[in-house]
């Protein structure tokens, strides 16, 4: 039996795009159990990305 630190593994990865750019949407995803966010920069302009 190991006495070292437990390894935490990523279980849920979510892609963040224009549909979930509000703080409320992101908090909902965290509350739903998302572990890692992937940013999708393929949609929108540079100005829109800088705004958020």
PDB file of N, CA and C in Angstrom:
ATOM      1  N   UNK A   1       0.837  -1.180   0.000  1.00  0.00           N
ATOM      2  CA  UNK A   1       0.000   0.000   0.000  1.00  0.00           C
ATOM      3  C   UNK A   1       0.883   1.245   0.000  1.00  0.00           C
ATOM      4  N   UNK A   2       0.620   2.142  -0.919  1.00  0.00           N
ATOM      5  CA  UNK A   2       1.418   3.354  -1.066  1.00  0.00           C
ATOM      6  C   UNK A   2       0.999   4.419  -0.058  1.00  0.00           C
ATOM      7  N   UNK A   3       1.984   5.131   0.468  1.00  0.00           N
ATOM      8  CA  UNK A   3       1.679   6.221   1.392  1.00  0.00           C
ATOM      9  C   UNK A   3       1.907   7.580   0.740  1.00  0.00           C
ATOM     10  N   UNK A   4       2.240   7.593  -0.563  1.00  0.00           N
ATOM     11  CA  UNK A   4       2.471   8.842  -1.288  1.00  0.00           C
ATOM     12  C   UNK A   4       1.174   9.567  -1.601  1.00  0.00           C
ATOM     13  N   UNK A   5       1.309  10.762  -2.193  1.00  0.00           N
ATOM     14  CA  UNK A   5       0.106  11.540  -2.528  1.00  0.00           C
ATOM     15  C   UNK A   5      -0.744  10.836  -3.582  1.00  0.00           C
ATOM     16  N   UNK A   6      -2.034  11.018  -3.487  1.00  0.00           N
ATOM     17  CA  UNK A   6      -2.963  10.417  -4.453  1.00  0.00           C
ATOM     18  C   UNK A   6      -2.833  11.125  -5.800  1.00  0.00           C
ATOM     19  N   UNK A   7      -2.997  10.383  -6.865  1.00  0.00           N
ATOM     20  CA  UNK A   7      -2.960  10.954  -8.209  1.00  0.00           C
ATOM     21  C   UNK A   7      -4.383  11.308  -8.608  1.00  0.00           C
ATOM     22  N   UNK A   8      -4.583  12.575  -8.948  1.00  0.00           N
ATOM     23  CA  UNK A   8      -5.898  13.026  -9.392  1.00  0.00           C
ATOM     24  C   UNK A   8      -5.897  13.033 -10.912  1.00  0.00           C
ATOM     25  N   UNK A   9      -6.835  12.363 -11.501  1.00  0.00           N
ATOM     26  CA  UNK A   9      -6.907  12.273 -12.954  1.00  0.00           C
ATOM     27  C   UNK A   9      -8.048  13.140 -13.480  1.00  0.00           C
ATOM     28  N   UNK A  10      -7.792  13.749 -14.635  1.00  0.00           N
ATOM     29  CA  UNK A  10      -8.819  14.544 -15.293  1.00  0.00           C
ATOM     30  C   UNK A  10      -9.918  13.625 -15.794  1.00  0.00           C
ATOM     31  N   UNK A  11     -11.157  13.995 -15.550  1.00  0.00           N
ATOM     32  CA  UNK A  11     -12.273  13.156 -15.956  1.00  0.00           C
ATOM     33  C   UNK A  11     -13.177  13.832 -16.973  1.00  0.00           C
ATOM     34  N   UNK A  12     -13.398  15.147 -16.843  1.00  0.00           N
ATOM     35  CA  UNK A  12     -14.285  15.846 -17.768  1.00  0.00           C
ATOM     36  C   UNK A  12     -13.559  17.060 -18.338  1.00  0.00           C
ATOM     37  N   UNK A  13     -13.463  17.122 -19.666  1.00  0.00           N
ATOM     38  CA  UNK A  13     -12.859  18.247 -20.376  1.00  0.00           C
ATOM     39  C   UNK A  13     -13.964  18.929 -21.171  1.00  0.00           C
ATOM     40  N   UNK A  14     -14.081  20.253 -21.047  1.00  0.00           N
ATOM     41  CA  UNK A  14     -15.104  21.010 -21.775  1.00  0.00           C
ATOM     42  C   UNK A  14     -14.432  22.039 -22.671  1.00  0.00           C
ATOM     43  N   UNK A  15     -14.964  22.215 -23.864  1.00  0.00           N
ATOM     44  CA  UNK A  15     -14.475  23.233 -24.783  1.00  0.00           C
ATOM     45  C   UNK A  15     -15.282  24.505 -24.580  1.00  0.00           C
ATOM     46  N   UNK A  16     -14.582  25.612 -24.357  1.00  0.00           N
ATOM     47  CA  UNK A  16     -15.231  26.899 -24.145  1.00  0.00           C
ATOM     48  C   UNK A  16     -15.234  27.660 -25.460  1.00  0.00           C
ATOM     49  N   UNK A  17     -16.419  28.039 -25.891  1.00  0.00           N
ATOM     50  CA  UNK A  17     -16.585  28.818 -27.111  1.00  0.00           C
ATOM     51  C   UNK A  17     -17.594  29.927 -26.873  1.00  0.00           C
ATOM     52  N   UNK A  18     -18.090  30.539 -27.937  1.00  0.00           N
ATOM     53  CA  UNK A  18     -19.022  31.665 -27.806  1.00  0.00           C
ATOM     54  C   UNK A  18     -20.287  31.336 -27.013  1.00  0.00           C
ATOM     55  N   UNK A  19     -20.753  30.111 -27.057  1.00  0.00           N
ATOM     56  CA  UNK A  19     -22.000  29.747 -26.376  1.00  0.00           C
ATOM     57  C   UNK A  19     -21.864  29.746 -24.855  1.00  0.00           C
ATOM     58  N   UNK A  20     -20.657  29.649 -24.340  1.00  0.00           N
ATOM     59  CA  UNK A  20     -20.491  29.586 -22.879  1.00  0.00           C
ATOM     60  C   UNK A  20     -19.450  30.589 -22.409  1.00  0.00           C
ATOM     61  N   UNK A  21     -19.569  31.811 -22.874  1.00  0.00           N
ATOM     62  CA  UNK A  21     -18.581  32.820 -22.519  1.00  0.00           C
ATOM     63  C   UNK A  21     -18.950  33.651 -21.298  1.00  0.00           C
ATOM     64  N   UNK A  22     -20.141  33.446 -20.734  1.00  0.00           N
ATOM     65  CA  UNK A  22     -20.526  34.206 -19.544  1.00  0.00           C
ATOM     66  C   UNK A  22     -20.021  33.510 -18.284  1.00  0.00           C
ATOM     67  N   UNK A  23     -19.844  34.289 -17.246  1.00  0.00           N
ATOM     68  CA  UNK A  23     -19.402  33.726 -15.967  1.00  0.00           C
ATOM     69  C   UNK A  23     -20.410  32.704 -15.455  1.00  0.00           C
ATOM     70  N   UNK A  24     -21.688  32.997 -15.627  1.00  0.00           N
ATOM     71  CA  UNK A  24     -22.739  32.081 -15.176  1.00  0.00           C
ATOM     72  C   UNK A  24     -22.630  30.723 -15.875  1.00  0.00           C
ATOM     73  N   UNK A  25     -22.382  30.741 -17.173  1.00  0.00           N
ATOM     74  CA  UNK A  25     -22.238  29.491 -17.932  1.00  0.00           C
ATOM     75  C   UNK A  25     -21.038  28.690 -17.448  1.00  0.00           C
ATOM     76  N   UNK A  26     -19.920  29.378 -17.228  1.00  0.00           N
ATOM     77  CA  UNK A  26     -18.707  28.690 -16.782  1.00  0.00           C
ATOM     78  C   UNK A  26     -18.886  28.112 -15.380  1.00  0.00           C
ATOM     79  N   UNK A  27     -19.521  28.864 -14.504  1.00  0.00           N
ATOM     80  CA  UNK A  27     -19.780  28.346 -13.149  1.00  0.00           C
ATOM     81  C   UNK A  27     -20.681  27.118 -13.199  1.00  0.00           C
ATOM     82  N   UNK A  28     -21.651  27.134 -14.097  1.00  0.00           N
ATOM     83  CA  UNK A  28     -22.529  25.978 -14.262  1.00  0.00           C
ATOM     84  C   UNK A  28     -21.759  24.743 -14.685  1.00  0.00           C
ATOM     85  N   UNK A  29     -20.781  24.929 -15.569  1.00  0.00           N
ATOM     86  CA  UNK A  29     -19.960  23.802 -16.008  1.00  0.00           C
ATOM     87  C   UNK A  29     -19.101  23.267 -14.862  1.00  0.00           C
ATOM     88  N   UNK A  30     -18.531  24.172 -14.077  1.00  0.00           N
ATOM     89  CA  UNK A  30     -17.732  23.750 -12.916  1.00  0.00           C
ATOM     90  C   UNK A  30     -18.617  22.993 -11.928  1.00  0.00           C
ATOM     91  N   UNK A  31     -19.804  23.522 -11.672  1.00  0.00           N
ATOM     92  CA  UNK A  31     -20.737  22.854 -10.756  1.00  0.00           C
ATOM     93  C   UNK A  31     -21.146  21.482 -11.276  1.00  0.00           C
ATOM     94  N   UNK A  32     -21.141  21.318 -12.607  1.00  0.00           N
ATOM     95  CA  UNK A  32     -21.510  20.035 -13.217  1.00  0.00           C
ATOM     96  C   UNK A  32     -20.362  19.032 -13.182  1.00  0.00           C
ATOM     97  N   UNK A  33     -19.155  19.487 -12.767  1.00  0.00           N
ATOM     98  CA  UNK A  33     -18.049  18.560 -12.607  1.00  0.00           C
ATOM     99  C   UNK A  33     -16.920  18.669 -13.603  1.00  0.00           C
ATOM    100  N   UNK A  34     -16.892  19.731 -14.408  1.00  0.00           N
ATOM    101  CA  UNK A  34     -15.806  19.894 -15.380  1.00  0.00           C
ATOM    102  C   UNK A  34     -14.490  20.085 -14.639  1.00  0.00           C
ATOM    103  N   UNK A  35     -13.449  19.363 -15.089  1.00  0.00           N
ATOM    104  CA  UNK A  35     -12.122  19.437 -14.474  1.00  0.00           C
ATOM    105  C   UNK A  35     -11.169  20.353 -15.237  1.00  0.00           C
ATOM    106  N   UNK A  36     -11.288  20.364 -16.578  1.00  0.00           N
ATOM    107  CA  UNK A  36     -10.359  21.109 -17.437  1.00  0.00           C
ATOM    108  C   UNK A  36     -11.150  21.822 -18.522  1.00  0.00           C
ATOM    109  N   UNK A  37     -10.756  23.063 -18.817  1.00  0.00           N
ATOM    110  CA  UNK A  37     -11.371  23.808 -19.910  1.00  0.00           C
ATOM    111  C   UNK A  37     -10.387  23.953 -21.066  1.00  0.00           C
ATOM    112  N   UNK A  38     -10.898  23.737 -22.270  1.00  0.00           N
ATOM    113  CA  UNK A  38     -10.133  23.928 -23.500  1.00  0.00           C
ATOM    114  C   UNK A  38     -10.726  25.156 -24.172  1.00  0.00           C
ATOM    115  N   UNK A  39      -9.881  26.129 -24.524  1.00  0.00           N
ATOM    116  CA  UNK A  39     -10.360  27.355 -25.155  1.00  0.00           C
ATOM    117  C   UNK A  39     -10.380  27.197 -26.664  1.00  0.00           C
ATOM    118  N   UNK A  40     -11.536  27.443 -27.278  1.00  0.00           N
ATOM    119  CA  UNK A  40     -11.681  27.362 -28.723  1.00  0.00           C
ATOM    120  C   UNK A  40     -11.596  28.774 -29.277  1.00  0.00           C
ATOM    121  N   UNK A  41     -10.456  29.118 -29.857  1.00  0.00           N
ATOM    122  CA  UNK A  41     -10.237  30.460 -30.381  1.00  0.00           C
ATOM    123  C   UNK A  41     -10.523  30.542 -31.880  1.00  0.00           C
ATOM    124  N   UNK A  42     -11.093  29.493 -32.448  1.00  0.00           N
ATOM    125  CA  UNK A  42     -11.350  29.456 -33.890  1.00  0.00           C
ATOM    126  C   UNK A  42     -12.522  30.344 -34.287  1.00  0.00           C
ATOM    127  N   UNK A  43     -13.404  30.649 -33.362  1.00  0.00           N
ATOM    128  CA  UNK A  43     -14.579  31.458 -33.664  1.00  0.00           C
ATOM    129  C   UNK A  43     -14.430  32.828 -33.022  1.00  0.00           C
ATOM    130  N   UNK A  44     -14.925  33.855 -33.679  1.00  0.00           N
ATOM    131  CA  UNK A  44     -14.885  35.204 -33.127  1.00  0.00           C
ATOM    132  C   UNK A  44     -13.647  35.958 -33.569  1.00  0.00           C
ATOM    133  N   UNK A  45     -13.679  37.243 -33.317  1.00  0.00           N
ATOM    134  CA  UNK A  45     -12.573  38.120 -33.712  1.00  0.00           C
ATOM    135  C   UNK A  45     -11.607  38.307 -32.541  1.00  0.00           C
ATOM    136  N   UNK A  46     -10.461  38.890 -32.840  1.00  0.00           N
ATOM    137  CA  UNK A  46      -9.474  39.186 -31.805  1.00  0.00           C
ATOM    138  C   UNK A  46     -10.085  40.109 -30.750  1.00  0.00           C
ATOM    139  N   UNK A  47     -10.880  41.076 -31.192  1.00  0.00           N
ATOM    140  CA  UNK A  47     -11.520  42.009 -30.263  1.00  0.00           C
ATOM    141  C   UNK A  47     -12.484  41.285 -29.317  1.00  0.00           C
ATOM    142  N   UNK A  48     -13.254  40.341 -29.852  1.00  0.00           N
ATOM    143  CA  UNK A  48     -14.184  39.582 -29.008  1.00  0.00           C
ATOM    144  C   UNK A  48     -13.439  38.752 -27.971  1.00  0.00           C
ATOM    145  N   UNK A  49     -12.325  38.160 -28.357  1.00  0.00           N
ATOM    146  CA  UNK A  49     -11.542  37.355 -27.415  1.00  0.00           C
ATOM    147  C   UNK A  49     -10.918  38.244 -26.342  1.00  0.00           C
ATOM    148  N   UNK A  50     -10.451  39.418 -26.729  1.00  0.00           N
ATOM    149  CA  UNK A  50      -9.848  40.342 -25.769  1.00  0.00           C
ATOM    150  C   UNK A  50     -10.893  40.855 -24.779  1.00  0.00           C
ATOM    151  N   UNK A  51     -12.137  41.006 -25.251  1.00  0.00           N
ATOM    152  CA  UNK A  51     -13.232  41.498 -24.414  1.00  0.00           C
ATOM    153  C   UNK A  51     -13.568  40.530 -23.290  1.00  0.00           C
ATOM    154  N   UNK A  52     -13.462  39.246 -23.566  1.00  0.00           N
ATOM    155  CA  UNK A  52     -13.830  38.250 -22.573  1.00  0.00           C
ATOM    156  C   UNK A  52     -12.592  37.730 -21.920  1.00  0.00           C
TER     157      UNK A  52
END
